[in-house]
N, C-alpha and C. Protein backbone atom coordinates (compact mmCIF):
# COMPACT_ATOMS: atom_id res chain seq x y z
N MET A 1 3.12 -18.97 8.37
CA MET A 1 2.49 -17.94 7.57
C MET A 1 2.38 -18.44 6.13
N ARG A 2 1.21 -18.33 5.58
CA ARG A 2 0.96 -18.77 4.21
C ARG A 2 0.97 -17.56 3.29
N CYS A 3 1.77 -17.60 2.25
CA CYS A 3 1.84 -16.49 1.30
C CYS A 3 1.30 -16.93 -0.05
N VAL A 4 0.32 -16.20 -0.54
CA VAL A 4 -0.27 -16.47 -1.84
C VAL A 4 -0.24 -15.19 -2.64
N ARG A 5 0.32 -15.23 -3.81
CA ARG A 5 0.44 -14.03 -4.63
C ARG A 5 -0.92 -13.59 -5.18
N GLY A 6 -1.27 -12.32 -4.94
CA GLY A 6 -2.49 -11.76 -5.50
C GLY A 6 -3.77 -12.27 -4.88
N ALA A 7 -3.73 -12.70 -3.62
CA ALA A 7 -4.93 -13.25 -3.00
C ALA A 7 -5.04 -12.75 -1.56
N THR A 8 -6.27 -12.75 -1.06
CA THR A 8 -6.52 -12.39 0.33
C THR A 8 -7.74 -13.15 0.84
N ALA A 9 -7.74 -13.39 2.13
CA ALA A 9 -8.90 -14.04 2.75
C ALA A 9 -9.98 -13.03 3.09
N HIS A 10 -9.67 -11.74 2.98
CA HIS A 10 -10.61 -10.67 3.33
C HIS A 10 -11.45 -10.27 2.13
N ALA A 11 -12.71 -9.96 2.38
CA ALA A 11 -13.60 -9.50 1.31
C ALA A 11 -13.33 -8.02 1.02
N LEU A 12 -13.42 -7.65 -0.24
CA LEU A 12 -13.27 -6.24 -0.62
C LEU A 12 -14.60 -5.51 -0.44
N PRO A 13 -14.53 -4.22 -0.13
CA PRO A 13 -15.77 -3.45 -0.03
C PRO A 13 -16.44 -3.35 -1.40
N ASP A 14 -17.73 -3.09 -1.40
CA ASP A 14 -18.46 -2.95 -2.67
C ASP A 14 -17.96 -1.77 -3.49
N ARG A 15 -17.54 -0.72 -2.80
CA ARG A 15 -17.07 0.48 -3.50
C ARG A 15 -15.63 0.78 -3.09
N LEU A 16 -14.73 0.78 -4.05
CA LEU A 16 -13.33 1.08 -3.80
C LEU A 16 -13.03 2.52 -4.17
N SER A 17 -12.07 3.12 -3.48
CA SER A 17 -11.66 4.49 -3.81
C SER A 17 -10.16 4.63 -3.59
N LEU A 18 -9.55 5.50 -4.37
CA LEU A 18 -8.12 5.77 -4.27
C LEU A 18 -7.84 6.60 -3.04
N ARG A 19 -6.91 6.17 -2.19
CA ARG A 19 -6.59 6.90 -0.96
C ARG A 19 -5.32 7.72 -1.10
N TRP A 20 -4.32 7.18 -1.80
CA TRP A 20 -3.07 7.90 -1.98
C TRP A 20 -2.29 7.28 -3.14
N THR A 21 -1.32 8.03 -3.64
CA THR A 21 -0.44 7.53 -4.70
C THR A 21 1.00 7.92 -4.37
N ARG A 22 1.93 7.26 -5.01
CA ARG A 22 3.36 7.56 -4.89
C ARG A 22 3.98 7.45 -6.28
N ASN A 23 4.80 8.42 -6.64
CA ASN A 23 5.57 8.31 -7.88
C ASN A 23 6.91 7.72 -7.52
N LEU A 24 7.10 6.45 -7.83
CA LEU A 24 8.31 5.73 -7.43
C LEU A 24 9.39 5.76 -8.51
N GLY A 25 9.09 6.36 -9.63
CA GLY A 25 10.05 6.37 -10.72
C GLY A 25 10.05 5.06 -11.48
N ARG A 26 10.75 5.05 -12.58
CA ARG A 26 10.80 3.86 -13.42
C ARG A 26 11.88 2.91 -12.92
N PRO A 27 11.56 1.63 -12.74
CA PRO A 27 12.57 0.67 -12.31
C PRO A 27 13.69 0.54 -13.34
N GLU A 28 14.87 0.18 -12.89
CA GLU A 28 16.01 -0.05 -13.77
C GLU A 28 16.36 -1.54 -13.71
N PRO A 29 15.81 -2.33 -14.63
CA PRO A 29 16.05 -3.77 -14.61
C PRO A 29 17.53 -4.09 -14.76
N ALA A 30 17.96 -5.16 -14.11
CA ALA A 30 19.35 -5.60 -14.21
C ALA A 30 19.65 -6.21 -15.57
N PHE A 31 18.65 -6.78 -16.21
CA PHE A 31 18.83 -7.44 -17.50
C PHE A 31 17.76 -6.96 -18.47
N ASP A 32 18.05 -7.06 -19.77
CA ASP A 32 17.00 -6.85 -20.76
C ASP A 32 15.96 -7.93 -20.54
N CYS A 33 14.71 -7.62 -20.86
CA CYS A 33 13.63 -8.57 -20.58
C CYS A 33 13.87 -9.89 -21.31
N HIS A 34 14.07 -10.90 -20.55
CA HIS A 34 14.24 -12.26 -21.01
C HIS A 34 13.23 -13.08 -20.23
N PHE A 35 12.64 -14.08 -20.82
CA PHE A 35 11.55 -14.77 -20.15
C PHE A 35 11.93 -15.32 -18.78
N ARG A 36 13.19 -15.49 -18.48
CA ARG A 36 13.60 -15.98 -17.17
C ARG A 36 14.19 -14.89 -16.28
N LEU A 37 14.45 -13.72 -16.84
CA LEU A 37 15.16 -12.69 -16.09
C LEU A 37 14.44 -11.35 -16.06
N CYS A 38 13.13 -11.34 -16.04
CA CYS A 38 12.44 -10.05 -16.04
C CYS A 38 11.62 -9.84 -14.76
N ALA A 39 12.09 -10.38 -13.65
CA ALA A 39 11.38 -10.23 -12.39
C ALA A 39 11.47 -8.81 -11.86
N ASP A 40 12.47 -8.04 -12.28
CA ASP A 40 12.63 -6.68 -11.77
C ASP A 40 12.19 -5.62 -12.77
N GLN A 41 11.29 -5.97 -13.66
CA GLN A 41 10.77 -5.03 -14.66
C GLN A 41 9.76 -4.06 -14.07
N SER A 42 9.18 -4.40 -12.92
CA SER A 42 8.19 -3.54 -12.29
C SER A 42 8.26 -3.73 -10.77
N TYR A 43 7.58 -2.86 -10.06
CA TYR A 43 7.51 -2.97 -8.60
C TYR A 43 6.54 -4.08 -8.22
N GLU A 44 6.85 -4.81 -7.18
CA GLU A 44 5.96 -5.85 -6.67
C GLU A 44 5.78 -5.66 -5.17
N PRO A 45 4.87 -4.76 -4.77
CA PRO A 45 4.67 -4.48 -3.34
C PRO A 45 4.00 -5.64 -2.62
N VAL A 46 4.24 -5.68 -1.31
CA VAL A 46 3.64 -6.68 -0.43
C VAL A 46 2.99 -5.93 0.73
N ALA A 47 1.74 -6.24 1.03
CA ALA A 47 1.03 -5.59 2.14
C ALA A 47 0.91 -6.54 3.32
N ALA A 48 1.22 -6.03 4.51
CA ALA A 48 1.09 -6.82 5.74
C ALA A 48 1.13 -5.88 6.93
N GLY A 49 0.33 -6.15 7.92
CA GLY A 49 0.37 -5.40 9.17
C GLY A 49 0.11 -3.91 9.03
N GLY A 50 -0.76 -3.51 8.10
CA GLY A 50 -1.09 -2.10 7.93
C GLY A 50 -0.05 -1.31 7.14
N LEU A 51 0.93 -2.02 6.57
CA LEU A 51 1.97 -1.37 5.77
C LEU A 51 2.04 -2.00 4.40
N VAL A 52 2.56 -1.26 3.44
CA VAL A 52 2.88 -1.82 2.13
C VAL A 52 4.38 -1.67 1.95
N PHE A 53 5.05 -2.79 1.64
CA PHE A 53 6.50 -2.83 1.48
C PHE A 53 6.83 -2.83 0.00
N VAL A 54 7.65 -1.87 -0.43
CA VAL A 54 7.98 -1.72 -1.84
C VAL A 54 9.49 -1.81 -2.04
N PRO A 55 9.96 -2.87 -2.72
CA PRO A 55 11.38 -2.96 -3.01
C PRO A 55 11.73 -2.06 -4.19
N SER A 56 12.92 -1.50 -4.18
CA SER A 56 13.36 -0.62 -5.26
C SER A 56 14.72 -1.06 -5.77
N ASN A 57 14.80 -1.40 -7.06
CA ASN A 57 16.09 -1.75 -7.63
C ASN A 57 16.86 -0.51 -8.08
N THR A 58 16.25 0.66 -8.02
CA THR A 58 16.97 1.89 -8.34
C THR A 58 17.68 2.46 -7.13
N GLU A 59 17.18 2.15 -5.93
CA GLU A 59 17.79 2.66 -4.70
C GLU A 59 18.36 1.54 -3.83
N ASP A 60 18.28 0.29 -4.29
CA ASP A 60 18.73 -0.87 -3.51
C ASP A 60 18.18 -0.82 -2.09
N SER A 61 16.86 -0.69 -2.01
CA SER A 61 16.23 -0.56 -0.69
C SER A 61 14.83 -1.15 -0.70
N VAL A 62 14.27 -1.26 0.49
CA VAL A 62 12.86 -1.60 0.67
C VAL A 62 12.26 -0.50 1.54
N THR A 63 11.15 0.08 1.09
CA THR A 63 10.49 1.14 1.84
C THR A 63 9.11 0.67 2.26
N ALA A 64 8.74 0.96 3.50
CA ALA A 64 7.42 0.63 4.02
C ALA A 64 6.59 1.90 4.08
N TYR A 65 5.36 1.85 3.57
CA TYR A 65 4.42 2.96 3.60
C TYR A 65 3.19 2.57 4.39
N ASP A 66 2.62 3.51 5.12
CA ASP A 66 1.39 3.28 5.87
C ASP A 66 0.25 3.12 4.87
N LEU A 67 -0.52 2.04 4.99
CA LEU A 67 -1.62 1.80 4.05
C LEU A 67 -2.71 2.86 4.14
N ALA A 68 -2.91 3.43 5.30
CA ALA A 68 -4.01 4.39 5.49
C ALA A 68 -3.76 5.71 4.77
N ASP A 69 -2.53 6.24 4.85
CA ASP A 69 -2.30 7.58 4.29
C ASP A 69 -1.08 7.68 3.37
N GLY A 70 -0.34 6.59 3.19
CA GLY A 70 0.81 6.60 2.30
C GLY A 70 2.07 7.20 2.88
N ALA A 71 2.05 7.54 4.17
CA ALA A 71 3.24 8.13 4.80
C ALA A 71 4.37 7.10 4.85
N ARG A 72 5.59 7.56 4.58
CA ARG A 72 6.74 6.67 4.64
C ARG A 72 6.99 6.27 6.09
N ALA A 73 7.01 4.98 6.36
CA ALA A 73 7.20 4.49 7.72
C ALA A 73 8.66 4.14 7.99
N ALA A 74 9.33 3.55 7.00
CA ALA A 74 10.73 3.16 7.18
C ALA A 74 11.34 2.81 5.83
N THR A 75 12.66 2.94 5.74
CA THR A 75 13.41 2.51 4.56
C THR A 75 14.64 1.76 5.03
N VAL A 76 14.88 0.61 4.43
CA VAL A 76 16.08 -0.18 4.70
C VAL A 76 16.88 -0.21 3.41
N SER A 77 18.13 0.23 3.48
CA SER A 77 19.01 0.25 2.31
C SER A 77 19.89 -0.98 2.32
N TRP A 78 19.84 -1.74 1.23
CA TRP A 78 20.69 -2.93 1.13
C TRP A 78 22.12 -2.54 0.86
N ALA A 79 22.37 -1.36 0.31
CA ALA A 79 23.73 -0.92 0.06
C ALA A 79 24.51 -0.78 1.36
N ALA A 80 23.83 -0.38 2.43
CA ALA A 80 24.49 -0.24 3.72
C ALA A 80 24.77 -1.59 4.37
N ILE A 81 24.00 -2.60 4.00
CA ILE A 81 24.15 -3.91 4.60
C ILE A 81 25.13 -4.78 3.81
N CYS A 82 25.06 -4.71 2.48
CA CYS A 82 25.89 -5.55 1.61
C CYS A 82 26.84 -4.68 0.81
N TRP A 83 28.10 -4.72 1.10
CA TRP A 83 29.06 -3.96 0.33
C TRP A 83 30.25 -4.79 -0.03
């Protein structure tokens, strides 16, 4: 599997429209913004297989949402796995 940030092999439609939104709250960075330590300053979702995966540093989890309607598909909590 080849992963490229911000790229797709698929063409976008001529006309885009907003389908759904989510208020995820403001991220809580682990460090003050430093040029090497500001990777958690914002959300960085990944889309694959009809889902969008959103990591959360406020809930120590990753949540998957359905791309079509924004319904929550699953949440995995890292707090339950790593203690």
